[in-house]
Amino acid sequence: MVSTTTERMMMTEEDLRGYQCGGGSHYTSKLIQPWDAMQSWMTEDQYRGFMLGNVIKYIARFQDKGGKTDLEKARHYLDKCIDLW
């Protein structure tokens, strides 16, 4: 599994098509993932806060809105947080 932004930037377009980063096709069809762009534009603290905030958001709402899908989204962001710390 590719874990760093630099490693993803070095991948070929064919590699990127096979890379499972999560999210719908409205994200996975992009050559540069939105959270990679955010990471380059935000400070480290801002980026970590955004990612952690999304973990909290999806866990807080899963019983009222998205159910298992929201838990999977929370896990997706939590995995990213683990990579960051």
N, C-alpha and C. Protein backbone atom coordinates (compact mmCIF):
# COMPACT_ATOMS: atom_id res chain seq x y z
N MET A 1 0.83 -1.18 0.00
CA MET A 1 0.00 0.00 0.00
C MET A 1 0.87 1.24 0.00
N VAL A 2 0.50 2.23 -0.78
CA VAL A 2 1.22 3.48 -0.86
C VAL A 2 0.75 4.36 0.29
N SER A 3 1.69 4.89 1.06
CA SER A 3 1.27 5.61 2.26
C SER A 3 1.64 7.08 2.28
N THR A 4 2.48 7.54 1.40
CA THR A 4 2.86 8.94 1.45
C THR A 4 2.47 9.65 0.16
N THR A 5 2.29 10.95 0.28
CA THR A 5 1.94 11.77 -0.86
C THR A 5 3.03 11.69 -1.92
N THR A 6 4.29 11.73 -1.50
CA THR A 6 5.41 11.66 -2.44
C THR A 6 5.37 10.37 -3.23
N GLU A 7 5.12 9.25 -2.55
CA GLU A 7 5.05 7.97 -3.26
C GLU A 7 3.91 7.97 -4.28
N ARG A 8 2.76 8.56 -3.92
CA ARG A 8 1.64 8.62 -4.87
C ARG A 8 1.98 9.51 -6.05
N MET A 9 2.71 10.61 -5.81
CA MET A 9 3.06 11.52 -6.89
C MET A 9 4.02 10.87 -7.87
N MET A 10 4.79 9.88 -7.42
CA MET A 10 5.75 9.20 -8.28
C MET A 10 5.12 8.05 -9.06
N MET A 11 3.86 7.73 -8.79
CA MET A 11 3.20 6.62 -9.45
C MET A 11 2.82 7.01 -10.88
N THR A 12 2.78 6.03 -11.76
CA THR A 12 2.32 6.28 -13.11
C THR A 12 0.80 6.38 -13.11
N GLU A 13 0.24 6.88 -14.19
CA GLU A 13 -1.22 6.98 -14.29
C GLU A 13 -1.85 5.59 -14.16
N GLU A 14 -1.22 4.58 -14.74
CA GLU A 14 -1.73 3.20 -14.63
C GLU A 14 -1.73 2.74 -13.18
N ASP A 15 -0.65 3.04 -12.45
CA ASP A 15 -0.58 2.69 -11.03
C ASP A 15 -1.71 3.37 -10.25
N LEU A 16 -1.95 4.65 -10.57
CA LEU A 16 -2.96 5.41 -9.85
C LEU A 16 -4.35 4.82 -10.06
N ARG A 17 -4.62 4.31 -11.26
CA ARG A 17 -5.93 3.70 -11.52
C ARG A 17 -6.16 2.51 -10.61
N GLY A 18 -5.10 1.80 -10.27
CA GLY A 18 -5.23 0.63 -9.42
C GLY A 18 -5.13 0.93 -7.94
N TYR A 19 -4.80 2.16 -7.60
CA TYR A 19 -4.60 2.55 -6.21
C TYR A 19 -5.95 2.74 -5.53
N GLN A 20 -6.17 2.03 -4.44
CA GLN A 20 -7.43 2.12 -3.72
C GLN A 20 -7.31 3.15 -2.61
N CYS A 21 -7.79 4.35 -2.84
CA CYS A 21 -7.69 5.39 -1.82
C CYS A 21 -9.04 5.63 -1.16
N GLY A 22 -10.06 4.95 -1.57
CA GLY A 22 -11.38 5.13 -0.99
C GLY A 22 -12.11 6.27 -1.67
N GLY A 23 -13.37 6.42 -1.30
CA GLY A 23 -14.17 7.48 -1.88
C GLY A 23 -14.82 7.03 -3.17
N GLY A 24 -15.80 7.79 -3.60
CA GLY A 24 -16.51 7.48 -4.83
C GLY A 24 -15.72 7.85 -6.06
N SER A 25 -16.28 7.53 -7.21
CA SER A 25 -15.57 7.81 -8.46
C SER A 25 -15.37 9.31 -8.67
N HIS A 26 -16.19 10.13 -8.00
CA HIS A 26 -16.00 11.58 -8.10
C HIS A 26 -14.69 12.00 -7.45
N TYR A 27 -14.06 11.14 -6.65
CA TYR A 27 -12.72 11.39 -6.12
C TYR A 27 -11.69 10.51 -6.81
N THR A 28 -11.99 9.24 -6.95
CA THR A 28 -10.98 8.31 -7.45
C THR A 28 -10.63 8.53 -8.92
N SER A 29 -11.48 9.23 -9.66
CA SER A 29 -11.19 9.49 -11.06
C SER A 29 -10.17 10.62 -11.24
N LYS A 30 -9.86 11.32 -10.19
CA LYS A 30 -8.93 12.44 -10.28
C LYS A 30 -7.48 11.95 -10.17
N LEU A 31 -6.61 12.54 -10.96
CA LEU A 31 -5.20 12.18 -10.92
C LEU A 31 -4.57 12.58 -9.59
N ILE A 32 -4.94 13.74 -9.07
CA ILE A 32 -4.48 14.19 -7.76
C ILE A 32 -5.67 14.14 -6.81
N GLN A 33 -5.51 13.43 -5.72
CA GLN A 33 -6.59 13.31 -4.75
C GLN A 33 -6.77 14.63 -4.00
N PRO A 34 -8.03 15.03 -3.76
CA PRO A 34 -8.26 16.30 -3.06
C PRO A 34 -7.50 16.40 -1.73
N TRP A 35 -7.40 15.30 -0.97
CA TRP A 35 -6.72 15.44 0.31
C TRP A 35 -5.21 15.58 0.13
N ASP A 36 -4.68 15.16 -0.99
CA ASP A 36 -3.26 15.42 -1.27
C ASP A 36 -3.03 16.90 -1.56
N ALA A 37 -3.98 17.50 -2.31
CA ALA A 37 -3.89 18.94 -2.56
C ALA A 37 -4.02 19.72 -1.26
N MET A 38 -4.98 19.31 -0.42
CA MET A 38 -5.17 19.98 0.87
C MET A 38 -3.91 19.89 1.73
N GLN A 39 -3.28 18.73 1.72
CA GLN A 39 -2.08 18.54 2.53
C GLN A 39 -0.97 19.50 2.09
N SER A 40 -0.89 19.77 0.81
CA SER A 40 0.15 20.67 0.34
C SER A 40 -0.20 22.14 0.61
N TRP A 41 -1.48 22.47 0.73
CA TRP A 41 -1.90 23.85 0.94
C TRP A 41 -2.05 24.23 2.41
N MET A 42 -2.28 23.25 3.29
CA MET A 42 -2.53 23.52 4.71
C MET A 42 -1.26 23.29 5.53
N THR A 43 -1.26 23.88 6.72
CA THR A 43 -0.18 23.54 7.65
C THR A 43 -0.42 22.12 8.13
N GLU A 44 0.59 21.52 8.71
CA GLU A 44 0.45 20.15 9.22
C GLU A 44 -0.67 20.06 10.26
N ASP A 45 -0.72 21.04 11.15
CA ASP A 45 -1.77 21.03 12.18
C ASP A 45 -3.16 21.20 11.58
N GLN A 46 -3.30 22.06 10.59
CA GLN A 46 -4.60 22.24 9.94
C GLN A 46 -5.05 20.95 9.26
N TYR A 47 -4.14 20.32 8.57
CA TYR A 47 -4.47 19.09 7.83
C TYR A 47 -4.85 17.97 8.79
N ARG A 48 -4.06 17.78 9.84
CA ARG A 48 -4.38 16.75 10.83
C ARG A 48 -5.74 17.03 11.47
N GLY A 49 -6.00 18.29 11.78
CA GLY A 49 -7.28 18.65 12.37
C GLY A 49 -8.45 18.36 11.46
N PHE A 50 -8.27 18.64 10.18
CA PHE A 50 -9.33 18.34 9.20
C PHE A 50 -9.62 16.84 9.16
N MET A 51 -8.56 16.05 9.07
CA MET A 51 -8.74 14.60 9.00
C MET A 51 -9.39 14.05 10.27
N LEU A 52 -8.91 14.48 11.42
CA LEU A 52 -9.47 14.03 12.69
C LEU A 52 -10.92 14.50 12.84
N GLY A 53 -11.21 15.70 12.39
CA GLY A 53 -12.57 16.21 12.42
C GLY A 53 -13.53 15.35 11.61
N ASN A 54 -13.07 14.84 10.49
CA ASN A 54 -13.91 13.97 9.67
C ASN A 54 -14.15 12.63 10.35
N VAL A 55 -13.16 12.11 11.07
CA VAL A 55 -13.37 10.88 11.85
C VAL A 55 -14.50 11.12 12.84
N ILE A 56 -14.41 12.22 13.57
CA ILE A 56 -15.42 12.54 14.59
C ILE A 56 -16.79 12.72 13.94
N LYS A 57 -16.84 13.46 12.83
CA LYS A 57 -18.11 13.71 12.14
C LYS A 57 -18.81 12.42 11.76
N TYR A 58 -18.10 11.52 11.12
CA TYR A 58 -18.74 10.30 10.64
C TYR A 58 -19.14 9.36 11.78
N ILE A 59 -18.35 9.32 12.84
CA ILE A 59 -18.73 8.49 13.99
C ILE A 59 -19.95 9.09 14.69
N ALA A 60 -19.98 10.41 14.82
CA ALA A 60 -21.08 11.07 15.52
C ALA A 60 -22.42 10.89 14.81
N ARG A 61 -22.41 10.82 13.49
CA ARG A 61 -23.68 10.79 12.77
C ARG A 61 -24.11 9.41 12.27
N PHE A 62 -23.28 8.39 12.42
CA PHE A 62 -23.56 7.12 11.74
C PHE A 62 -24.90 6.52 12.12
N GLN A 63 -25.34 6.66 13.35
CA GLN A 63 -26.61 6.05 13.75
C GLN A 63 -27.81 6.81 13.20
N ASP A 64 -27.64 8.07 12.90
CA ASP A 64 -28.75 8.90 12.43
C ASP A 64 -28.78 9.11 10.92
N LYS A 65 -27.67 8.84 10.26
CA LYS A 65 -27.63 9.16 8.84
C LYS A 65 -27.13 8.00 7.97
N GLY A 66 -25.83 7.75 7.99
CA GLY A 66 -25.26 6.85 6.99
C GLY A 66 -25.03 5.42 7.43
N GLY A 67 -25.23 5.10 8.71
CA GLY A 67 -25.04 3.74 9.18
C GLY A 67 -23.64 3.21 8.92
N LYS A 68 -23.57 1.99 8.44
CA LYS A 68 -22.29 1.33 8.20
C LYS A 68 -21.41 2.13 7.24
N THR A 69 -22.01 2.75 6.24
CA THR A 69 -21.23 3.54 5.28
C THR A 69 -20.47 4.66 5.99
N ASP A 70 -21.12 5.32 6.95
CA ASP A 70 -20.43 6.38 7.69
C ASP A 70 -19.31 5.81 8.55
N LEU A 71 -19.49 4.63 9.11
CA LEU A 71 -18.41 4.00 9.87
C LEU A 71 -17.23 3.67 8.96
N GLU A 72 -17.52 3.24 7.74
CA GLU A 72 -16.44 2.96 6.79
C GLU A 72 -15.71 4.24 6.40
N LYS A 73 -16.46 5.33 6.25
CA LYS A 73 -15.83 6.61 5.95
C LYS A 73 -14.95 7.05 7.13
N ALA A 74 -15.45 6.87 8.35
CA ALA A 74 -14.66 7.21 9.54
C ALA A 74 -13.37 6.41 9.56
N ARG A 75 -13.46 5.12 9.24
CA ARG A 75 -12.26 4.27 9.22
C ARG A 75 -11.28 4.76 8.16
N HIS A 76 -11.81 5.17 7.02
CA HIS A 76 -10.97 5.68 5.93
C HIS A 76 -10.16 6.89 6.41
N TYR A 77 -10.82 7.82 7.08
CA TYR A 77 -10.12 8.99 7.61
C TYR A 77 -9.21 8.62 8.78
N LEU A 78 -9.64 7.67 9.61
CA LEU A 78 -8.80 7.23 10.72
C LEU A 78 -7.51 6.59 10.22
N ASP A 79 -7.62 5.79 9.17
CA ASP A 79 -6.40 5.20 8.58
C ASP A 79 -5.45 6.29 8.13
N LYS A 80 -5.99 7.35 7.53
CA LYS A 80 -5.14 8.46 7.10
C LYS A 80 -4.51 9.16 8.31
N CYS A 81 -5.29 9.31 9.39
CA CYS A 81 -4.75 9.93 10.61
C CYS A 81 -3.59 9.08 11.16
N ILE A 82 -3.75 7.79 11.15
CA ILE A 82 -2.67 6.91 11.64
C ILE A 82 -1.41 7.10 10.81
N ASP A 83 -1.56 7.25 9.51
CA ASP A 83 -0.40 7.51 8.64
C ASP A 83 0.27 8.84 8.97
N LEU A 84 -0.53 9.82 9.41
CA LEU A 84 0.00 11.16 9.67
C LEU A 84 0.74 11.27 10.99
N TRP A 85 0.37 10.44 11.97
CA TRP A 85 0.98 10.57 13.28
C TRP A 85 2.14 9.64 13.46
